């Protein structure tokens, strides 16, 4: 029975303990996945590792979303790719928000490597 309780506080992807966070930190982490609003936690919560992790990822995701907008310039196929990527970005944002609320660190495939390089 004790093992089940212990496992419920473990990140199943990394087997690390889930962070015990305040609602304030979770709110800032959620804000990270709302486009350029990621700048708020990125600049205001510099000393919080959990919030910074999500803020960096959210910022890179926002930059990717802005870059994807330029696909509309390409006739016919550009708007199709832009819509597909837009859908993917929304799904990734929702997953990021859910993981932030659960107190987990979830690395966005591909984009997380760029997020790790951001130094504030």
Protein backbone atom coordinates (compact mmCIF):
# COMPACT_ATOMS: atom_id res chain seq x y z
CA UNK A 1 0.00 0.00 0.00
CA UNK A 2 2.82 2.40 0.86
CA UNK A 3 4.42 1.77 -2.53
CA UNK A 4 1.25 2.89 -4.35
CA UNK A 5 1.19 6.18 -2.46
CA UNK A 6 4.86 6.73 -3.21
CA UNK A 7 4.35 6.04 -6.91
CA UNK A 8 1.53 8.56 -7.20
CA UNK A 9 4.03 11.32 -6.41
CA UNK A 10 6.50 10.16 -9.06
CA UNK A 11 6.84 11.46 -12.60
CA UNK A 12 6.15 8.31 -14.62
CA UNK A 13 8.25 9.49 -17.57
CA UNK A 14 11.46 10.18 -15.63
CA UNK A 15 10.84 8.28 -12.36
CA UNK A 16 11.78 11.46 -10.48
CA UNK A 17 9.64 12.75 -7.62
CA UNK A 18 7.06 15.30 -8.70
CA UNK A 19 7.79 18.78 -7.44
CA UNK A 20 5.64 20.09 -4.59
CA UNK A 21 4.72 23.50 -5.89
CA UNK A 22 2.70 26.44 -4.80
CA UNK A 23 -0.33 27.49 -6.82
CA UNK A 24 1.62 30.63 -7.72
CA UNK A 25 4.41 28.60 -9.35
CA UNK A 26 1.92 26.43 -11.20
CA UNK A 27 0.13 29.54 -12.48
CA UNK A 28 3.37 30.99 -13.79
CA UNK A 29 4.25 27.65 -15.41
CA UNK A 30 0.83 27.53 -17.11
CA UNK A 31 1.29 31.12 -18.32
CA UNK A 32 4.45 29.90 -20.06
CA UNK A 33 2.41 28.05 -22.69
CA UNK A 34 0.27 31.03 -23.71
CA UNK A 35 2.37 32.47 -26.51
CA UNK A 36 4.50 35.51 -25.80
CA UNK A 37 3.05 35.67 -22.27
CA UNK A 38 5.89 33.22 -21.56
CA UNK A 39 8.08 36.30 -21.18
CA UNK A 40 6.33 37.15 -17.89
CA UNK A 41 7.47 34.04 -15.97
CA UNK A 42 10.75 34.02 -17.87
CA UNK A 43 11.61 37.48 -16.52
CA UNK A 44 9.80 37.48 -13.16
CA UNK A 45 10.64 34.03 -11.80
CA UNK A 46 14.36 33.83 -12.57
CA UNK A 47 15.17 31.90 -9.38
CA UNK A 48 12.53 29.18 -9.77
CA UNK A 49 13.88 26.20 -11.70
CA UNK A 50 10.46 24.65 -12.37
CA UNK A 51 8.92 27.86 -13.71
CA UNK A 52 12.04 28.64 -15.77
CA UNK A 53 11.94 25.17 -17.34
CA UNK A 54 8.39 25.72 -18.56
CA UNK A 55 8.94 29.40 -19.44
CA UNK A 56 11.90 28.56 -21.68
CA UNK A 57 9.94 25.87 -23.47
CA UNK A 58 6.92 28.14 -23.83
CA UNK A 59 9.07 30.92 -25.25
CA UNK A 60 10.64 28.60 -27.84
CA UNK A 61 7.16 27.32 -28.70
CA UNK A 62 5.95 30.92 -29.20
CA UNK A 63 8.91 31.65 -31.50
CA UNK A 64 8.11 28.48 -33.49
CA UNK A 65 4.48 29.61 -33.78
CA UNK A 66 5.55 33.02 -35.10
CA UNK A 67 7.96 31.39 -37.56
CA UNK A 68 5.19 29.06 -38.76
CA UNK A 69 3.04 32.09 -39.62
CA UNK A 70 5.45 32.87 -42.45
CA UNK A 71 4.39 29.65 -44.16
CA UNK A 72 1.28 31.52 -45.29
CA UNK A 73 3.46 33.29 -47.85
CA UNK A 74 3.84 30.08 -49.86
CA UNK A 75 0.89 29.80 -52.25
CA UNK A 76 -1.60 26.97 -51.73
CA UNK A 77 0.49 24.59 -49.63
CA UNK A 78 1.69 27.21 -47.10
CA UNK A 79 -1.70 27.77 -45.45
CA UNK A 80 -2.24 24.01 -45.24
CA UNK A 81 1.07 23.49 -43.41
CA UNK A 82 0.34 26.51 -41.22
CA UNK A 83 -3.02 25.07 -40.17
CA UNK A 84 -1.51 21.67 -39.41
CA UNK A 85 1.31 23.20 -37.39
CA UNK A 86 -1.16 25.48 -35.62
CA UNK A 87 -3.13 22.43 -34.52
CA UNK A 88 0.07 20.72 -33.33
CA UNK A 89 1.10 23.85 -31.40
CA UNK A 90 -2.27 23.98 -29.64
CA UNK A 91 -1.99 20.31 -28.64
CA UNK A 92 1.59 20.80 -27.40
CA UNK A 93 0.48 23.84 -25.38
CA UNK A 94 -2.36 21.89 -23.79
CA UNK A 95 -0.04 19.03 -22.85
CA UNK A 96 2.49 21.51 -21.44
CA UNK A 97 -0.22 23.17 -19.34
CA UNK A 98 -1.42 19.81 -18.03
CA UNK A 99 2.11 18.74 -17.11
CA UNK A 100 2.77 22.09 -15.40
CA UNK A 101 -0.39 21.70 -13.34
CA UNK A 102 0.71 18.19 -12.35
CA UNK A 103 4.11 19.51 -11.24
CA UNK A 104 5.98 17.61 -13.93
CA UNK A 105 8.72 18.63 -16.31
CA UNK A 106 7.85 17.44 -19.80
CA UNK A 107 10.28 18.08 -22.62
CA UNK A 108 8.71 19.11 -25.90
CA UNK A 109 10.25 16.98 -28.65
CA UNK A 110 12.81 18.92 -30.73
CA UNK A 111 11.99 22.32 -29.18
CA UNK A 112 13.25 21.41 -25.70
CA UNK A 113 16.83 21.26 -27.03
CA UNK A 114 16.57 24.92 -28.06
CA UNK A 115 14.92 25.82 -24.75
CA UNK A 116 17.89 24.43 -22.81
CA UNK A 117 20.17 26.90 -24.59
CA UNK A 118 18.29 29.98 -23.33
CA UNK A 119 20.21 31.74 -20.57
CA UNK A 120 18.47 34.53 -18.68
